[in-house]
Amino acid sequence: MRHRVLALRWVFIVNVPAGIAAFVLGVKVQPSPARAGAEKSPLPDLFGAALLTGSIAMLSFGLVKAPDWGWTSAGTLGGLAAAVLLGVWFVLRSAHHPVPNSSLTLSLRASTDPSWHWTTSEAPPPGPSSSPRSAREGSAAPPCP
């Protein structure tokens, strides 16, 4: 039994030297913006990343605990409510941050503009004239504007 506990601990401990080596190598190999003479750019939204992480964690917590605690328990509803609040806070923060974690304009445009596609090689969605139902009925649909 003691052998298994030690083996399990080594799985976690072996990552510490690897992480330290990666950090030291990264500091030596990657150029610093201050040394390269580049102007400072705004930092990514670290607090927004924490909000998104917290929102996903609370959503997972609420969904995992709901079968044990009940869907209407205070803990489950509190976890799900916290997930929604943190998610809304993340969206509002991302909308006003100079370097957001998620491009909200891309998401909103893709969901509201039917003519926008993920790739330029993708064909437009089929219109009423090319639907299988109108082809079977033999009716000609008016052309799309």
C-alpha atoms as a PDB file:
ATOM      1  CA  MET A   1       0.000   0.000   0.000  1.00  0.00           C
ATOM      2  CA  ARG A   2       2.778   2.421   0.883  1.00  0.00           C
ATOM      3  CA  HIS A   3       4.421   1.703  -2.460  1.00  0.00           C
ATOM      4  CA  ARG A   4       1.246   2.796  -4.322  1.00  0.00           C
ATOM      5  CA  VAL A   5       0.985   6.028  -2.348  1.00  0.00           C
ATOM      6  CA  LEU A   6       4.599   6.900  -3.135  1.00  0.00           C
ATOM      7  CA  ALA A   7       4.117   6.056  -6.794  1.00  0.00           C
ATOM      8  CA  LEU A   8       1.076   8.311  -6.974  1.00  0.00           C
ATOM      9  CA  ARG A   9       2.957  11.164  -5.313  1.00  0.00           C
ATOM     10  CA  TRP A  10       5.828  10.829  -7.789  1.00  0.00           C
ATOM     11  CA  VAL A  11       3.399  11.362 -10.657  1.00  0.00           C
ATOM     12  CA  PHE A  12       2.732  14.850  -9.343  1.00  0.00           C
ATOM     13  CA  ILE A  13       6.235  15.645  -8.109  1.00  0.00           C
ATOM     14  CA  VAL A  14       7.973  14.775 -11.388  1.00  0.00           C
ATOM     15  CA  ASN A  15       6.185  17.673 -13.100  1.00  0.00           C
ATOM     16  CA  VAL A  16       7.786  20.297 -10.842  1.00  0.00           C
ATOM     17  CA  PRO A  17      11.336  19.978 -12.260  1.00  0.00           C
ATOM     18  CA  ALA A  18       9.942  19.770 -15.787  1.00  0.00           C
ATOM     19  CA  GLY A  19       7.979  22.988 -15.233  1.00  0.00           C
ATOM     20  CA  ILE A  20      10.996  24.777 -13.768  1.00  0.00           C
ATOM     21  CA  ALA A  21      13.169  23.667 -16.701  1.00  0.00           C
ATOM     22  CA  ALA A  22      10.562  24.847 -19.209  1.00  0.00           C
ATOM     23  CA  PHE A  23      10.317  28.238 -17.464  1.00  0.00           C
ATOM     24  CA  VAL A  24      14.106  28.739 -17.390  1.00  0.00           C
ATOM     25  CA  LEU A  25      14.440  27.676 -21.024  1.00  0.00           C
ATOM     26  CA  GLY A  26      11.590  29.986 -22.035  1.00  0.00           C
ATOM     27  CA  VAL A  27      13.179  32.985 -20.299  1.00  0.00           C
ATOM     28  CA  LYS A  28      16.506  32.315 -22.023  1.00  0.00           C
ATOM     29  CA  VAL A  29      15.170  31.560 -25.505  1.00  0.00           C
ATOM     30  CA  GLN A  30      12.249  33.965 -25.949  1.00  0.00           C
ATOM     31  CA  PRO A  31      13.141  37.604 -26.518  1.00  0.00           C
ATOM     32  CA  SER A  32      11.809  40.099 -24.017  1.00  0.00           C
ATOM     33  CA  PRO A  33       9.776  42.960 -25.531  1.00  0.00           C
ATOM     34  CA  ALA A  34      11.763  45.426 -23.404  1.00  0.00           C
ATOM     35  CA  ARG A  35      15.064  44.068 -24.755  1.00  0.00           C
ATOM     36  CA  ALA A  36      13.826  43.940 -28.343  1.00  0.00           C
ATOM     37  CA  GLY A  37      12.814  47.625 -28.237  1.00  0.00           C
ATOM     38  CA  ALA A  38       9.182  46.910 -29.065  1.00  0.00           C
ATOM     39  CA  GLU A  39       6.512  49.171 -27.692  1.00  0.00           C
ATOM     40  CA  LYS A  40       4.328  47.791 -24.934  1.00  0.00           C
ATOM     41  CA  SER A  41       1.009  46.344 -25.988  1.00  0.00           C
ATOM     42  CA  PRO A  42      -1.898  45.901 -23.605  1.00  0.00           C
ATOM     43  CA  LEU A  43      -1.916  42.673 -21.632  1.00  0.00           C
ATOM     44  CA  PRO A  44      -4.532  40.015 -22.307  1.00  0.00           C
ATOM     45  CA  ASP A  45      -7.561  40.058 -20.064  1.00  0.00           C
ATOM     46  CA  LEU A  46      -6.341  37.881 -17.195  1.00  0.00           C
ATOM     47  CA  PHE A  47      -9.275  38.755 -14.948  1.00  0.00           C
ATOM     48  CA  GLY A  48     -11.635  37.876 -17.798  1.00  0.00           C
ATOM     49  CA  ALA A  49      -9.938  34.494 -18.082  1.00  0.00           C
ATOM     50  CA  ALA A  50     -10.518  33.978 -14.361  1.00  0.00           C
ATOM     51  CA  LEU A  51     -14.193  34.946 -14.799  1.00  0.00           C
ATOM     52  CA  LEU A  52     -14.628  32.458 -17.633  1.00  0.00           C
ATOM     53  CA  THR A  53     -12.873  29.729 -15.657  1.00  0.00           C
ATOM     54  CA  GLY A  54     -15.036  30.438 -12.617  1.00  0.00           C
ATOM     55  CA  SER A  55     -18.196  30.401 -14.712  1.00  0.00           C
ATOM     56  CA  ILE A  56     -17.356  27.023 -16.241  1.00  0.00           C
ATOM     57  CA  ALA A  57     -16.325  25.643 -12.832  1.00  0.00           C
ATOM     58  CA  MET A  58     -19.585  26.753 -11.194  1.00  0.00           C
ATOM     59  CA  LEU A  59     -21.626  25.358 -14.072  1.00  0.00           C
ATOM     60  CA  SER A  60     -19.820  22.029 -13.729  1.00  0.00           C
ATOM     61  CA  PHE A  61     -20.273  22.113  -9.964  1.00  0.00           C
ATOM     62  CA  GLY A  62     -24.012  22.748 -10.245  1.00  0.00           C
ATOM     63  CA  LEU A  63     -24.521  20.045 -12.845  1.00  0.00           C
ATOM     64  CA  VAL A  64     -22.443  17.449 -10.998  1.00  0.00           C
ATOM     65  CA  LYS A  65     -23.993  18.059  -7.582  1.00  0.00           C
ATOM     66  CA  ALA A  66     -27.613  18.364  -8.778  1.00  0.00           C
ATOM     67  CA  PRO A  67     -28.347  14.601  -8.771  1.00  0.00           C
ATOM     68  CA  ASP A  68     -27.151  14.295  -5.155  1.00  0.00           C
ATOM     69  CA  TRP A  69     -28.496  17.557  -3.753  1.00  0.00           C
ATOM     70  CA  GLY A  70     -31.586  17.920  -5.928  1.00  0.00           C
ATOM     71  CA  TRP A  71     -32.161  20.382  -8.758  1.00  0.00           C
ATOM     72  CA  THR A  72     -34.009  22.832  -6.529  1.00  0.00           C
ATOM     73  CA  SER A  73     -31.560  22.789  -3.613  1.00  0.00           C
ATOM     74  CA  ALA A  74     -29.878  26.025  -2.592  1.00  0.00           C
ATOM     75  CA  GLY A  75     -26.416  24.679  -3.443  1.00  0.00           C
ATOM     76  CA  THR A  76     -27.364  23.608  -6.955  1.00  0.00           C
ATOM     77  CA  LEU A  77     -29.294  26.775  -7.760  1.00  0.00           C
ATOM     78  CA  GLY A  78     -26.552  28.903  -6.202  1.00  0.00           C
ATOM     79  CA  GLY A  79     -23.878  27.217  -8.309  1.00  0.00           C
ATOM     80  CA  LEU A  80     -25.879  27.606 -11.511  1.00  0.00           C
ATOM     81  CA  ALA A  81     -26.745  31.225 -10.674  1.00  0.00           C
ATOM     82  CA  ALA A  82     -23.071  31.961  -9.994  1.00  0.00           C
ATOM     83  CA  ALA A  83     -22.190  30.405 -13.359  1.00  0.00           C
ATOM     84  CA  VAL A  84     -24.658  32.678 -15.139  1.00  0.00           C
ATOM     85  CA  LEU A  85     -23.516  35.802 -13.261  1.00  0.00           C
ATOM     86  CA  LEU A  86     -19.827  35.104 -13.874  1.00  0.00           C
ATOM     87  CA  GLY A  87     -20.568  34.350 -17.542  1.00  0.00           C
ATOM     88  CA  VAL A  88     -22.458  37.616 -18.006  1.00  0.00           C
ATOM     89  CA  TRP A  89     -19.671  39.498 -16.228  1.00  0.00           C
ATOM     90  CA  PHE A  90     -17.155  37.839 -18.579  1.00  0.00           C
ATOM     91  CA  VAL A  91     -19.145  38.856 -21.677  1.00  0.00           C
ATOM     92  CA  LEU A  92     -19.534  42.456 -20.484  1.00  0.00           C
ATOM     93  CA  ARG A  93     -15.843  42.688 -19.589  1.00  0.00           C
ATOM     94  CA  SER A  94     -14.778  41.181 -22.919  1.00  0.00           C
ATOM     95  CA  ALA A  95     -16.928  43.704 -24.791  1.00  0.00           C
ATOM     96  CA  HIS A  96     -14.914  46.600 -23.322  1.00  0.00           C
ATOM     97  CA  HIS A  97     -11.410  45.171 -22.917  1.00  0.00           C
ATOM     98  CA  PRO A  98      -8.714  46.136 -25.479  1.00  0.00           C
ATOM     99  CA  VAL A  99      -7.425  42.537 -25.667  1.00  0.00           C
ATOM    100  CA  PRO A 100     -10.390  40.276 -24.831  1.00  0.00           C
ATOM    101  CA  ASN A 101     -10.151  36.511 -24.410  1.00  0.00           C
ATOM    102  CA  SER A 102     -12.977  35.940 -26.855  1.00  0.00           C
ATOM    103  CA  SER A 103     -13.946  37.960 -29.890  1.00  0.00           C
ATOM    104  CA  LEU A 104     -17.588  38.742 -29.241  1.00  0.00           C
ATOM    105  CA  THR A 105     -18.058  40.410 -32.626  1.00  0.00           C
ATOM    106  CA  LEU A 106     -17.095  37.177 -34.368  1.00  0.00           C
ATOM    107  CA  SER A 107     -19.542  35.187 -32.258  1.00  0.00           C
ATOM    108  CA  LEU A 108     -22.369  37.688 -32.648  1.00  0.00           C
ATOM    109  CA  ARG A 109     -21.871  38.106 -36.379  1.00  0.00           C
ATOM    110  CA  ALA A 110     -21.795  34.364 -36.966  1.00  0.00           C
ATOM    111  CA  SER A 111     -25.025  33.893 -35.044  1.00  0.00           C
ATOM    112  CA  THR A 112     -26.998  36.830 -36.486  1.00  0.00           C
ATOM    113  CA  ASP A 113     -25.842  37.203 -40.098  1.00  0.00           C
ATOM    114  CA  PRO A 114     -27.035  34.288 -42.271  1.00  0.00           C
ATOM    115  CA  SER A 115     -24.761  35.309 -45.151  1.00  0.00           C
ATOM    116  CA  TRP A 116     -21.601  35.045 -43.062  1.00  0.00           C
ATOM    117  CA  HIS A 117     -19.682  31.756 -43.238  1.00  0.00           C
ATOM    118  CA  TRP A 118     -16.714  30.315 -41.372  1.00  0.00           C
ATOM    119  CA  THR A 119     -14.675  29.854 -44.528  1.00  0.00           C
ATOM    120  CA  THR A 120     -14.782  31.568 -47.892  1.00  0.00           C
ATOM    121  CA  SER A 121     -14.906  28.230 -49.724  1.00  0.00           C
ATOM    122  CA  GLU A 122     -18.136  27.239 -48.019  1.00  0.00           C
ATOM    123  CA  ALA A 123     -21.224  27.447 -50.196  1.00  0.00           C
ATOM    124  CA  PRO A 124     -24.138  29.570 -49.003  1.00  0.00           C
ATOM    125  CA  PRO A 125     -26.919  27.756 -47.190  1.00  0.00           C
ATOM    126  CA  PRO A 126     -29.580  26.272 -49.424  1.00  0.00           C
ATOM    127  CA  GLY A 127     -32.465  28.597 -50.109  1.00  0.00           C
ATOM    128  CA  PRO A 128     -36.115  27.720 -50.434  1.00  0.00           C
ATOM    129  CA  SER A 129     -35.705  26.920 -54.142  1.00  0.00           C
ATOM    130  CA  SER A 130     -33.174  24.161 -53.465  1.00  0.00           C
ATOM    131  CA  SER A 131     -34.919  22.514 -50.533  1.00  0.00           C
ATOM    132  CA  PRO A 132     -35.914  18.870 -51.029  1.00  0.00           C
ATOM    133  CA  ARG A 133     -39.573  19.638 -50.281  1.00  0.00           C
ATOM    134  CA  SER A 134     -39.964  22.253 -53.028  1.00  0.00           C
ATOM    135  CA  ALA A 135     -38.201  19.948 -55.497  1.00  0.00           C
ATOM    136  CA  ARG A 136     -40.624  17.127 -54.687  1.00  0.00           C
ATOM    137  CA  GLU A 137     -43.688  19.353 -54.978  1.00  0.00           C
ATOM    138  CA  GLY A 138     -42.532  20.851 -58.251  1.00  0.00           C
ATOM    139  CA  SER A 139     -43.142  24.389 -57.042  1.00  0.00           C
ATOM    140  CA  ALA A 140     -40.697  27.089 -57.893  1.00  0.00           C
ATOM    141  CA  ALA A 141     -39.788  29.276 -54.963  1.00  0.00           C
ATOM    142  CA  PRO A 142     -39.032  32.954 -55.542  1.00  0.00           C
ATOM    143  CA  PRO A 143     -35.313  33.746 -55.828  1.00  0.00           C
ATOM    144  CA  CYS A 144     -33.517  34.888 -52.711  1.00  0.00           C
ATOM    145  CA  PRO A 145     -32.667  38.605 -52.633  1.00  0.00           C
END
